[in-house]
């Protein structure tokens, strides 16, 4: 995987991922930003949630379970156990430097 982050102006940055996608980031006004895009740490949190949701849906589908929805809510450190401890490389990487706790609830429909 690779990514190039370029300074745009003020405290705005544009990341270009190895798959060719662009992601904008900006800082808070008190830090010189213009609040035009998510903060870098918000994107890290979003990426962790996306990784967790991806793992959960993939694991359930591989187990031939019918999946009707998946929602991951994060508050800086929340994730689902199996993803956080085994599959999600973002959670595993963060776990080396940050305390991560997790909880989950399965809702039958």
PDB file of N, CA and C in Angstrom:
ATOM      1  N   UNK A   1       0.842  -1.178   0.000  1.00  0.00           N
ATOM      2  CA  UNK A   1       0.000   0.000   0.000  1.00  0.00           C
ATOM      3  C   UNK A   1       0.883   1.234   0.000  1.00  0.00           C
ATOM      4  N   UNK A   2       0.394   2.265  -0.599  1.00  0.00           N
ATOM      5  CA  UNK A   2       1.139   3.520  -0.599  1.00  0.00           C
ATOM      6  C   UNK A   2       0.186   4.695  -0.645  1.00  0.00           C
ATOM      7  N   UNK A   3       0.677   5.844  -0.244  1.00  0.00           N
ATOM      8  CA  UNK A   3      -0.125   7.057  -0.217  1.00  0.00           C
ATOM      9  C   UNK A   3       0.826   8.252  -0.267  1.00  0.00           C
ATOM     10  N   UNK A   4       0.449   9.275  -1.012  1.00  0.00           N
ATOM     11  CA  UNK A   4       1.220  10.514  -1.060  1.00  0.00           C
ATOM     12  C   UNK A   4       0.325  11.637  -0.560  1.00  0.00           C
ATOM     13  N   UNK A   5       0.808  12.386   0.415  1.00  0.00           N
ATOM     14  CA  UNK A   5       0.051  13.513   0.967  1.00  0.00           C
ATOM     15  C   UNK A   5       0.755  14.796   0.557  1.00  0.00           C
ATOM     16  N   UNK A   6       0.000  15.704  -0.057  1.00  0.00           N
ATOM     17  CA  UNK A   6       0.559  16.979  -0.504  1.00  0.00           C
ATOM     18  C   UNK A   6      -0.131  18.130   0.217  1.00  0.00           C
ATOM     19  N   UNK A   7       0.682  19.073   0.635  1.00  0.00           N
ATOM     20  CA  UNK A   7       0.156  20.288   1.255  1.00  0.00           C
ATOM     21  C   UNK A   7      -0.511  21.099   0.168  1.00  0.00           C
ATOM     22  N   UNK A   8      -1.716  21.578   0.435  1.00  0.00           N
ATOM     23  CA  UNK A   8      -2.470  22.356  -0.542  1.00  0.00           C
ATOM     24  C   UNK A   8      -2.304  23.848  -0.258  1.00  0.00           C
ATOM     25  N   UNK A   9      -2.871  24.300   0.836  1.00  0.00           N
ATOM     26  CA  UNK A   9      -2.721  25.690   1.279  1.00  0.00           C
ATOM     27  C   UNK A   9      -3.205  25.786   2.712  1.00  0.00           C
ATOM     28  N   UNK A  10      -2.808  26.802   3.425  1.00  0.00           N
ATOM     29  CA  UNK A  10      -3.202  26.933   4.828  1.00  0.00           C
ATOM     30  C   UNK A  10      -2.824  25.674   5.575  1.00  0.00           C
ATOM     31  N   UNK A  11      -3.816  24.976   6.108  1.00  0.00           N
ATOM     32  CA  UNK A  11      -3.587  23.677   6.756  1.00  0.00           C
ATOM     33  C   UNK A  11      -4.406  22.591   6.066  1.00  0.00           C
ATOM     34  N   UNK A  12      -4.549  22.732   4.733  1.00  0.00           N
ATOM     35  CA  UNK A  12      -5.262  21.749   3.918  1.00  0.00           C
ATOM     36  C   UNK A  12      -4.259  20.842   3.210  1.00  0.00           C
ATOM     37  N   UNK A  13      -4.614  19.565   3.137  1.00  0.00           N
ATOM     38  CA  UNK A  13      -3.760  18.574   2.505  1.00  0.00           C
ATOM     39  C   UNK A  13      -4.614  17.660   1.639  1.00  0.00           C
ATOM     40  N   UNK A  14      -4.026  17.109   0.591  1.00  0.00           N
ATOM     41  CA  UNK A  14      -4.704  16.149  -0.272  1.00  0.00           C
ATOM     42  C   UNK A  14      -3.857  14.887  -0.308  1.00  0.00           C
ATOM     43  N   UNK A  15      -4.480  13.769   0.022  1.00  0.00           N
ATOM     44  CA  UNK A  15      -3.800  12.474  -0.032  1.00  0.00           C
ATOM     45  C   UNK A  15      -4.229  11.763  -1.309  1.00  0.00           C
ATOM     46  N   UNK A  16      -3.260  11.197  -2.013  1.00  0.00           N
ATOM     47  CA  UNK A  16      -3.553  10.362  -3.174  1.00  0.00           C
ATOM     48  C   UNK A  16      -3.147   8.938  -2.826  1.00  0.00           C
ATOM     49  N   UNK A  17      -4.142   8.052  -2.841  1.00  0.00           N
ATOM     50  CA  UNK A  17      -3.884   6.676  -2.451  1.00  0.00           C
ATOM     51  C   UNK A  17      -3.280   5.891  -3.600  1.00  0.00           C
ATOM     52  N   UNK A  18      -2.723   4.741  -3.279  1.00  0.00           N
ATOM     53  CA  UNK A  18      -2.135   3.887  -4.297  1.00  0.00           C
ATOM     54  C   UNK A  18      -3.144   3.421  -5.330  1.00  0.00           C
ATOM     55  N   UNK A  19      -4.422   3.387  -4.953  1.00  0.00           N
ATOM     56  CA  UNK A  19      -5.470   2.990  -5.898  1.00  0.00           C
ATOM     57  C   UNK A  19      -5.982   4.172  -6.715  1.00  0.00           C
ATOM     58  N   UNK A  20      -5.345   5.337  -6.544  1.00  0.00           N
ATOM     59  CA  UNK A  20      -5.676   6.496  -7.365  1.00  0.00           C
ATOM     60  C   UNK A  20      -6.793   7.376  -6.854  1.00  0.00           C
ATOM     61  N   UNK A  21      -7.210   7.198  -5.615  1.00  0.00           N
ATOM     62  CA  UNK A  21      -8.276   8.022  -5.044  1.00  0.00           C
ATOM     63  C   UNK A  21      -7.695   9.192  -4.273  1.00  0.00           C
ATOM     64  N   UNK A  22      -8.443  10.298  -4.259  1.00  0.00           N
ATOM     65  CA  UNK A  22      -8.010  11.496  -3.542  1.00  0.00           C
ATOM     66  C   UNK A  22      -8.843  11.685  -2.278  1.00  0.00           C
ATOM     67  N   UNK A  23      -8.183  12.075  -1.205  1.00  0.00           N
ATOM     68  CA  UNK A  23      -8.850  12.361   0.059  1.00  0.00           C
ATOM     69  C   UNK A  23      -8.338  13.698   0.563  1.00  0.00           C
ATOM     70  N   UNK A  24      -9.258  14.613   0.831  1.00  0.00           N
ATOM     71  CA  UNK A  24      -8.879  15.931   1.349  1.00  0.00           C
ATOM     72  C   UNK A  24      -8.906  15.916   2.874  1.00  0.00           C
ATOM     73  N   UNK A  25      -8.021  16.700   3.461  1.00  0.00           N
ATOM     74  CA  UNK A  25      -7.967  16.873   4.915  1.00  0.00           C
ATOM     75  C   UNK A  25      -7.754  18.350   5.195  1.00  0.00           C
ATOM     76  N   UNK A  26      -8.288  18.817   6.316  1.00  0.00           N
ATOM     77  CA  UNK A  26      -8.104  20.221   6.698  1.00  0.00           C
ATOM     78  C   UNK A  26      -8.056  20.306   8.212  1.00  0.00           C
ATOM     79  N   UNK A  27      -7.528  21.384   8.683  1.00  0.00           N
ATOM     80  CA  UNK A  27      -7.433  21.611  10.115  1.00  0.00           C
ATOM     81  C   UNK A  27      -8.550  22.498  10.622  1.00  0.00           C
ATOM     82  N   UNK A  28      -8.647  22.566  11.930  1.00  0.00           N
ATOM     83  CA  UNK A  28      -9.608  23.456  12.569  1.00  0.00           C
ATOM     84  C   UNK A  28      -9.141  24.905  12.389  1.00  0.00           C
ATOM     85  N   UNK A  29     -10.065  25.857  12.366  1.00  0.00           N
ATOM     86  CA  UNK A  29      -9.684  27.263  12.193  1.00  0.00           C
ATOM     87  C   UNK A  29      -8.658  27.737  13.230  1.00  0.00           C
ATOM     88  N   UNK A  30      -8.779  27.252  14.473  1.00  0.00           N
ATOM     89  CA  UNK A  30      -7.825  27.684  15.499  1.00  0.00           C
ATOM     90  C   UNK A  30      -6.419  27.150  15.258  1.00  0.00           C
ATOM     91  N   UNK A  31      -6.295  26.190  14.341  1.00  0.00           N
ATOM     92  CA  UNK A  31      -4.973  25.658  13.986  1.00  0.00           C
ATOM     93  C   UNK A  31      -4.537  26.137  12.606  1.00  0.00           C
ATOM     94  N   UNK A  32      -5.258  27.102  12.044  1.00  0.00           N
ATOM     95  CA  UNK A  32      -4.898  27.643  10.740  1.00  0.00           C
ATOM     96  C   UNK A  32      -5.639  27.022   9.576  1.00  0.00           C
ATOM     97  N   UNK A  33      -6.541  26.095   9.854  1.00  0.00           N
ATOM     98  CA  UNK A  33      -7.321  25.466   8.796  1.00  0.00           C
ATOM     99  C   UNK A  33      -8.578  26.257   8.499  1.00  0.00           C
ATOM    100  N   UNK A  34      -9.347  25.764   7.519  1.00  0.00           N
ATOM    101  CA  UNK A  34     -10.591  26.437   7.153  1.00  0.00           C
ATOM    102  C   UNK A  34     -11.812  25.536   7.372  1.00  0.00           C
ATOM    103  N   UNK A  35     -11.607  24.387   8.013  1.00  0.00           N
ATOM    104  CA  UNK A  35     -12.691  23.461   8.326  1.00  0.00           C
ATOM    105  C   UNK A  35     -13.440  23.017   7.070  1.00  0.00           C
ATOM    106  N   UNK A  36     -12.705  22.761   5.972  1.00  0.00           N
ATOM    107  CA  UNK A  36     -13.313  22.369   4.703  1.00  0.00           C
ATOM    108  C   UNK A  36     -13.341  20.855   4.483  1.00  0.00           C
ATOM    109  N   UNK A  37     -12.669  20.109   5.345  1.00  0.00           N
ATOM    110  CA  UNK A  37     -12.582  18.655   5.174  1.00  0.00           C
ATOM    111  C   UNK A  37     -12.315  18.018   6.536  1.00  0.00           C
ATOM    112  N   UNK A  38     -12.424  16.692   6.623  1.00  0.00           N
ATOM    113  CA  UNK A  38     -12.149  16.032   7.903  1.00  0.00           C
ATOM    114  C   UNK A  38     -10.699  16.226   8.344  1.00  0.00           C
ATOM    115  N   UNK A  39     -10.504  16.130   9.643  1.00  0.00           N
ATOM    116  CA  UNK A  39      -9.155  16.171  10.196  1.00  0.00           C
ATOM    117  C   UNK A  39      -8.464  14.843   9.914  1.00  0.00           C
ATOM    118  N   UNK A  40      -7.154  14.805   9.854  1.00  0.00           N
ATOM    119  CA  UNK A  40      -6.454  13.542   9.627  1.00  0.00           C
ATOM    120  C   UNK A  40      -6.827  12.462  10.646  1.00  0.00           C
ATOM    121  N   UNK A  41      -6.961  12.804  11.913  1.00  0.00           N
ATOM    122  CA  UNK A  41      -7.314  11.804  12.917  1.00  0.00           C
ATOM    123  C   UNK A  41      -8.741  11.305  12.742  1.00  0.00           C
ATOM    124  N   UNK A  42      -9.642  12.140  12.224  1.00  0.00           N
ATOM    125  CA  UNK A  42     -11.001  11.685  11.932  1.00  0.00           C
ATOM    126  C   UNK A  42     -10.979  10.638  10.820  1.00  0.00           C
ATOM    127  N   UNK A  43     -10.105  10.847   9.832  1.00  0.00           N
ATOM    128  CA  UNK A  43     -10.000   9.875   8.749  1.00  0.00           C
ATOM    129  C   UNK A  43      -9.410   8.560   9.236  1.00  0.00           C
ATOM    130  N   UNK A  44      -8.487   8.632  10.171  1.00  0.00           N
ATOM    131  CA  UNK A  44      -7.928   7.415  10.762  1.00  0.00           C
ATOM    132  C   UNK A  44      -9.036   6.635  11.476  1.00  0.00           C
ATOM    133  N   UNK A  45      -9.862   7.345  12.228  1.00  0.00           N
ATOM    134  CA  UNK A  45     -10.982   6.718  12.924  1.00  0.00           C
ATOM    135  C   UNK A  45     -11.974   6.140  11.919  1.00  0.00           C
ATOM    136  N   UNK A  46     -12.287   6.888  10.867  1.00  0.00           N
ATOM    137  CA  UNK A  46     -13.211   6.413   9.836  1.00  0.00           C
ATOM    138  C   UNK A  46     -12.646   5.177   9.135  1.00  0.00           C
ATOM    139  N   UNK A  47     -11.357   5.181   8.873  1.00  0.00           N
ATOM    140  CA  UNK A  47     -10.718   4.025   8.247  1.00  0.00           C
ATOM    141  C   UNK A  47     -10.778   2.797   9.129  1.00  0.00           C
ATOM    142  N   UNK A  48     -10.599   2.990  10.419  1.00  0.00           N
ATOM    143  CA  UNK A  48     -10.693   1.879  11.361  1.00  0.00           C
ATOM    144  C   UNK A  48     -12.113   1.320  11.378  1.00  0.00           C
ATOM    145  N   UNK A  49     -13.107   2.213  11.386  1.00  0.00           N
ATOM    146  CA  UNK A  49     -14.505   1.766  11.342  1.00  0.00           C
ATOM    147  C   UNK A  49     -14.834   1.064  10.040  1.00  0.00           C
ATOM    148  N   UNK A  50     -14.333   1.586   8.943  1.00  0.00           N
ATOM    149  CA  UNK A  50     -14.561   0.958   7.646  1.00  0.00           C
ATOM    150  C   UNK A  50     -13.929  -0.424   7.568  1.00  0.00           C
ATOM    151  N   UNK A  51     -12.734  -0.548   8.108  1.00  0.00           N
ATOM    152  CA  UNK A  51     -12.033  -1.831   8.140  1.00  0.00           C
ATOM    153  C   UNK A  51     -12.820  -2.837   8.974  1.00  0.00           C
ATOM    154  N   UNK A  52     -13.306  -2.401  10.125  1.00  0.00           N
ATOM    155  CA  UNK A  52     -14.085  -3.269  11.003  1.00  0.00           C
ATOM    156  C   UNK A  52     -15.381  -3.705  10.324  1.00  0.00           C
ATOM    157  N   UNK A  53     -16.125  -2.773   9.738  1.00  0.00           N
ATOM    158  CA  UNK A  53     -17.380  -3.101   9.063  1.00  0.00           C
ATOM    159  C   UNK A  53     -17.138  -4.065   7.898  1.00  0.00           C
ATOM    160  N   UNK A  54     -16.097  -3.824   7.134  1.00  0.00           N
ATOM    161  CA  UNK A  54     -15.736  -4.693   6.011  1.00  0.00           C
ATOM    162  C   UNK A  54     -15.503  -6.118   6.506  1.00  0.00           C
ATOM    163  N   UNK A  55     -14.695  -6.245   7.577  1.00  0.00           N
ATOM    164  CA  UNK A  55     -14.392  -7.567   8.134  1.00  0.00           C
ATOM    165  C   UNK A  55     -15.649  -8.278   8.617  1.00  0.00           C
ATOM    166  N   UNK A  56     -16.506  -7.563   9.336  1.00  0.00           N
ATOM    167  CA  UNK A  56     -17.717  -8.171   9.899  1.00  0.00           C
ATOM    168  C   UNK A  56     -18.616  -8.707   8.791  1.00  0.00           C
ATOM    169  N   UNK A  57     -18.888  -7.891   7.776  1.00  0.00           N
ATOM    170  CA  UNK A  57     -19.759  -8.312   6.679  1.00  0.00           C
ATOM    171  C   UNK A  57     -19.135  -9.476   5.916  1.00  0.00           C
ATOM    172  N   UNK A  58     -17.832  -9.409   5.645  1.00  0.00           N
ATOM    173  CA  UNK A  58     -17.157 -10.476   4.925  1.00  0.00           C
ATOM    174  C   UNK A  58     -17.198 -11.790   5.712  1.00  0.00           C
ATOM    175  N   UNK A  59     -16.918 -11.737   7.006  1.00  0.00           N
ATOM    176  CA  UNK A  59     -16.932 -12.935   7.855  1.00  0.00           C
ATOM    177  C   UNK A  59     -18.329 -13.548   7.893  1.00  0.00           C
ATOM    178  N   UNK A  60     -19.358 -12.715   8.052  1.00  0.00           N
ATOM    179  CA  UNK A  60     -20.728 -13.227   8.089  1.00  0.00           C
ATOM    180  C   UNK A  60     -21.142 -13.841   6.753  1.00  0.00           C
ATOM    181  N   UNK A  61     -20.806 -13.172   5.656  1.00  0.00           N
ATOM    182  CA  UNK A  61     -21.166 -13.698   4.335  1.00  0.00           C
ATOM    183  C   UNK A  61     -20.438 -15.002   4.044  1.00  0.00           C
ATOM    184  N   UNK A  62     -19.182 -15.088   4.436  1.00  0.00           N
ATOM    185  CA  UNK A  62     -18.437 -16.344   4.242  1.00  0.00           C
ATOM    186  C   UNK A  62     -19.039 -17.479   5.065  1.00  0.00           C
ATOM    187  N   UNK A  63     -19.648 -17.127   6.196  1.00  0.00           N
ATOM    188  CA  UNK A  63     -20.330 -18.109   7.026  1.00  0.00           C
ATOM    189  C   UNK A  63     -21.745 -18.386   6.547  1.00  0.00           C
ATOM    190  N   UNK A  64     -22.085 -17.877   5.386  1.00  0.00           N
ATOM    191  CA  UNK A  64     -23.393 -18.048   4.760  1.00  0.00           C
ATOM    192  C   UNK A  64     -24.541 -17.484   5.596  1.00  0.00           C
ATOM    193  N   UNK A  65     -24.260 -16.411   6.328  1.00  0.00           N
ATOM    194  CA  UNK A  65     -25.295 -15.724   7.086  1.00  0.00           C
ATOM    195  C   UNK A  65     -25.901 -14.634   6.212  1.00  0.00           C
ATOM    196  N   UNK A  66     -27.199 -14.417   6.371  1.00  0.00           N
ATOM    197  CA  UNK A  66     -27.851 -13.335   5.647  1.00  0.00           C
ATOM    198  C   UNK A  66     -27.561 -12.030   6.390  1.00  0.00           C
ATOM    199  N   UNK A  67     -26.979 -11.086   5.707  1.00  0.00           N
ATOM    200  CA  UNK A  67     -26.634  -9.803   6.319  1.00  0.00           C
ATOM    201  C   UNK A  67     -27.597  -8.749   5.782  1.00  0.00           C
ATOM    202  N   UNK A  68     -28.307  -8.085   6.698  1.00  0.00           N
ATOM    203  CA  UNK A  68     -29.255  -7.060   6.268  1.00  0.00           C
ATOM    204  C   UNK A  68     -28.782  -5.658   6.636  1.00  0.00           C
ATOM    205  N   UNK A  69     -27.700  -5.564   7.379  1.00  0.00           N
ATOM    206  CA  UNK A  69     -27.163  -4.254   7.726  1.00  0.00           C
ATOM    207  C   UNK A  69     -25.949  -4.396   8.629  1.00  0.00           C
ATOM    208  N   UNK A  70     -25.153  -3.377   8.648  1.00  0.00           N
ATOM    209  CA  UNK A  70     -23.987  -3.346   9.530  1.00  0.00           C
ATOM    210  C   UNK A  70     -23.680  -1.876   9.815  1.00  0.00           C
ATOM    211  N   UNK A  71     -23.604  -1.539  11.072  1.00  0.00           N
ATOM    212  CA  UNK A  71     -23.283  -0.170  11.461  1.00  0.00           C
ATOM    213  C   UNK A  71     -22.234  -0.226  12.561  1.00  0.00           C
ATOM    214  N   UNK A  72     -21.165   0.500  12.363  1.00  0.00           N
ATOM    215  CA  UNK A  72     -20.096   0.566  13.361  1.00  0.00           C
ATOM    216  C   UNK A  72     -20.027   2.004  13.859  1.00  0.00           C
ATOM    217  N   UNK A  73     -20.204   2.191  15.154  1.00  0.00           N
ATOM    218  CA  UNK A  73     -20.078   3.523  15.750  1.00  0.00           C
ATOM    219  C   UNK A  73     -18.779   3.551  16.535  1.00  0.00           C
ATOM    220  N   UNK A  74     -17.987   4.559  16.298  1.00  0.00           N
ATOM    221  CA  UNK A  74     -16.692   4.658  16.961  1.00  0.00           C
ATOM    222  C   UNK A  74     -16.601   5.917  17.791  1.00  0.00           C
ATOM    223  N   UNK A  75     -15.994   5.779  18.928  1.00  0.00           N
ATOM    224  CA  UNK A  75     -15.706   6.929  19.781  1.00  0.00           C
ATOM    225  C   UNK A  75     -14.234   6.855  20.129  1.00  0.00           C
ATOM    226  N   UNK A  76     -13.420   7.103  19.153  1.00  0.00           N
ATOM    227  CA  UNK A  76     -11.967   7.117  19.260  1.00  0.00           C
ATOM    228  C   UNK A  76     -11.338   5.748  19.403  1.00  0.00           C
ATOM    229  N   UNK A  77     -12.002   4.794  20.085  1.00  0.00           N
ATOM    230  CA  UNK A  77     -11.347   3.509  20.265  1.00  0.00           C
ATOM    231  C   UNK A  77     -12.280   2.302  20.228  1.00  0.00           C
ATOM    232  N   UNK A  78     -13.501   2.421  19.779  1.00  0.00           N
ATOM    233  CA  UNK A  78     -14.464   1.299  19.801  1.00  0.00           C
ATOM    234  C   UNK A  78     -14.364   0.449  18.524  1.00  0.00           C
ATOM    235  N   UNK A  79     -14.374  -0.857  18.644  1.00  0.00           N
ATOM    236  CA  UNK A  79     -14.338  -1.763  17.492  1.00  0.00           C
ATOM    237  C   UNK A  79     -14.907  -3.117  17.894  1.00  0.00           C
ATOM    238  N   UNK A  80     -15.189  -3.950  16.940  1.00  0.00           N
ATOM    239  CA  UNK A  80     -15.684  -5.291  17.211  1.00  0.00           C
ATOM    240  C   UNK A  80     -14.492  -6.214  17.449  1.00  0.00           C
ATOM    241  N   UNK A  81     -14.611  -7.080  18.451  1.00  0.00           N
ATOM    242  CA  UNK A  81     -13.493  -7.893  18.946  1.00  0.00           C
ATOM    243  C   UNK A  81     -12.766  -8.678  17.858  1.00  0.00           C
ATOM    244  N   UNK A  82     -13.444  -9.471  17.068  1.00  0.00           N
ATOM    245  CA  UNK A  82     -12.766 -10.314  16.091  1.00  0.00           C
ATOM    246  C   UNK A  82     -11.964  -9.486  15.099  1.00  0.00           C
ATOM    247  N   UNK A  83     -12.547  -8.415  14.632  1.00  0.00           N
ATOM    248  CA  UNK A  83     -11.831  -7.544  13.708  1.00  0.00           C
ATOM    249  C   UNK A  83     -10.650  -6.876  14.391  1.00  0.00           C
ATOM    250  N   UNK A  84     -10.902  -6.322  15.567  1.00  0.00           N
ATOM    251  CA  UNK A  84      -9.861  -5.574  16.270  1.00  0.00           C
ATOM    252  C   UNK A  84      -8.680  -6.440  16.668  1.00  0.00           C
ATOM    253  N   UNK A  85      -8.950  -7.691  17.053  1.00  0.00           N
ATOM    254  CA  UNK A  85      -7.875  -8.536  17.562  1.00  0.00           C
ATOM    255  C   UNK A  85      -7.230  -9.434  16.529  1.00  0.00           C
ATOM    256  N   UNK A  86      -7.892  -9.628  15.371  1.00  0.00           N
ATOM    257  CA  UNK A  86      -7.360 -10.599  14.427  1.00  0.00           C
ATOM    258  C   UNK A  86      -7.238 -10.099  12.990  1.00  0.00           C
ATOM    259  N   UNK A  87      -8.244  -9.389  12.477  1.00  0.00           N
ATOM    260  CA  UNK A  87      -8.287  -9.100  11.054  1.00  0.00           C
ATOM    261  C   UNK A  87      -7.939  -7.674  10.649  1.00  0.00           C
ATOM    262  N   UNK A  88      -8.422  -6.698  11.378  1.00  0.00           N
ATOM    263  CA  UNK A  88      -8.278  -5.301  10.936  1.00  0.00           C
ATOM    264  C   UNK A  88      -6.871  -4.784  11.203  1.00  0.00           C
ATOM    265  N   UNK A  89      -6.111  -4.597  10.137  1.00  0.00           N
ATOM    266  CA  UNK A  89      -4.735  -4.139  10.303  1.00  0.00           C
ATOM    267  C   UNK A  89      -4.671  -2.743  10.909  1.00  0.00           C
ATOM    268  N   UNK A  90      -5.690  -1.918  10.671  1.00  0.00           N
ATOM    269  CA  UNK A  90      -5.704  -0.578  11.273  1.00  0.00           C
ATOM    270  C   UNK A  90      -5.826  -0.688  12.787  1.00  0.00           C
ATOM    271  N   UNK A  91      -6.736  -1.544  13.267  1.00  0.00           N
ATOM    272  CA  UNK A  91      -6.881  -1.738  14.713  1.00  0.00           C
ATOM    273  C   UNK A  91      -5.629  -2.354  15.318  1.00  0.00           C
ATOM    274  N   UNK A  92      -5.056  -3.327  14.631  1.00  0.00           N
ATOM    275  CA  UNK A  92      -3.844  -3.976  15.138  1.00  0.00           C
ATOM    276  C   UNK A  92      -2.695  -2.972  15.243  1.00  0.00           C
ATOM    277  N   UNK A  93      -2.557  -2.124  14.233  1.00  0.00           N
ATOM    278  CA  UNK A  93      -1.503  -1.113  14.251  1.00  0.00           C
ATOM    279  C   UNK A  93      -1.732  -0.120  15.384  1.00  0.00           C
ATOM    280  N   UNK A  94      -2.963   0.354  15.533  1.00  0.00           N
ATOM    281  CA  UNK A  94      -3.274   1.305  16.599  1.00  0.00           C
ATOM    282  C   UNK A  94      -3.092   0.683  17.976  1.00  0.00           C
ATOM    283  N   UNK A  95      -3.394  -0.608  18.090  1.00  0.00           N
ATOM    284  CA  UNK A  95      -3.280  -1.303  19.363  1.00  0.00           C
ATOM    285  C   UNK A  95      -1.867  -1.366  19.906  1.00  0.00           C
ATOM    286  N   UNK A  96      -0.889  -1.168  19.054  1.00  0.00           N
ATOM    287  CA  UNK A  96       0.506  -1.171  19.498  1.00  0.00           C
ATOM    288  C   UNK A  96       0.865   0.094  20.277  1.00  0.00           C
ATOM    289  N   UNK A  97       0.100   1.173  20.054  1.00  0.00           N
ATOM    290  CA  UNK A  97       0.432   2.440  20.707  1.00  0.00           C
ATOM    291  C   UNK A  97      -0.722   3.062  21.486  1.00  0.00           C
ATOM    292  N   UNK A  98      -1.915   2.470  21.376  1.00  0.00           N
ATOM    293  CA  UNK A  98      -3.076   3.033  22.067  1.00  0.00           C
ATOM    294  C   UNK A  98      -3.886   1.914  22.703  1.00  0.00           C
ATOM    295  N   UNK A  99      -4.499   2.229  23.826  1.00  0.00           N
ATOM    296  CA  UNK A  99      -5.382   1.257  24.478  1.00  0.00           C
ATOM    297  C   UNK A  99      -6.692   1.203  23.704  1.00  0.00           C
ATOM    298  N   UNK A 100      -7.076   0.030  23.266  1.00  0.00           N
ATOM    299  CA  UNK A 100      -8.301  -0.136  22.495  1.00  0.00           C
ATOM    300  C   UNK A 100      -9.227  -1.076  23.248  1.00  0.00           C
ATOM    301  N   UNK A 101     -10.454  -0.625  23.486  1.00  0.00           N
ATOM    302  CA  UNK A 101     -11.468  -1.493  24.064  1.00  0.00           C
ATOM    303  C   UNK A 101     -12.592  -1.612  23.047  1.00  0.00           C
ATOM    304  N   UNK A 102     -13.420  -2.635  23.185  1.00  0.00           N
ATOM    305  CA  UNK A 102     -14.471  -2.839  22.204  1.00  0.00           C
ATOM    306  C   UNK A 102     -15.693  -3.474  22.854  1.00  0.00           C
ATOM    307  N   UNK A 103     -16.822  -3.228  22.229  1.00  0.00           N
ATOM    308  CA  UNK A 103     -18.070  -3.869  22.626  1.00  0.00           C
ATOM    309  C   UNK A 103     -18.929  -3.994  21.372  1.00  0.00           C
ATOM    310  N   UNK A 104     -19.845  -4.951  21.382  1.00  0.00           N
ATOM    311  CA  UNK A 104     -20.715  -5.109  20.225  1.00  0.00           C
ATOM    312  C   UNK A 104     -22.042  -5.716  20.654  1.00  0.00           C
ATOM    313  N   UNK A 105     -23.031  -5.589  19.779  1.00  0.00           N
ATOM    314  CA  UNK A 105     -24.360  -6.115  20.046  1.00  0.00           C
ATOM    315  C   UNK A 105     -24.888  -6.696  18.748  1.00  0.00           C
ATOM    316  N   UNK A 106     -25.368  -7.915  18.798  1.00  0.00           N
ATOM    317  CA  UNK A 106     -25.973  -8.545  17.636  1.00  0.00           C
ATOM    318  C   UNK A 106     -27.485  -8.387  17.777  1.00  0.00           C
ATOM    319  N   UNK A 107     -28.115  -7.808  16.782  1.00  0.00           N
ATOM    320  CA  UNK A 107     -29.563  -7.571  16.814  1.00  0.00           C
ATOM    321  C   UNK A 107     -30.216  -8.499  15.815  1.00  0.00           C
ATOM    322  N   UNK A 108     -31.056  -9.398  16.306  1.00  0.00           N
ATOM    323  CA  UNK A 108     -31.794 -10.324  15.437  1.00  0.00           C
ATOM    324  C   UNK A 108     -33.011  -9.600  14.884  1.00  0.00           C
ATOM    325  N   UNK A 109     -33.255  -9.770  13.605  1.00  0.00           N
ATOM    326  CA  UNK A 109     -34.405  -9.136  12.957  1.00  0.00           C
ATOM    327  C   UNK A 109     -35.464 -10.152  12.666  1.00  0.00           C
TER     328      UNK A 109
END
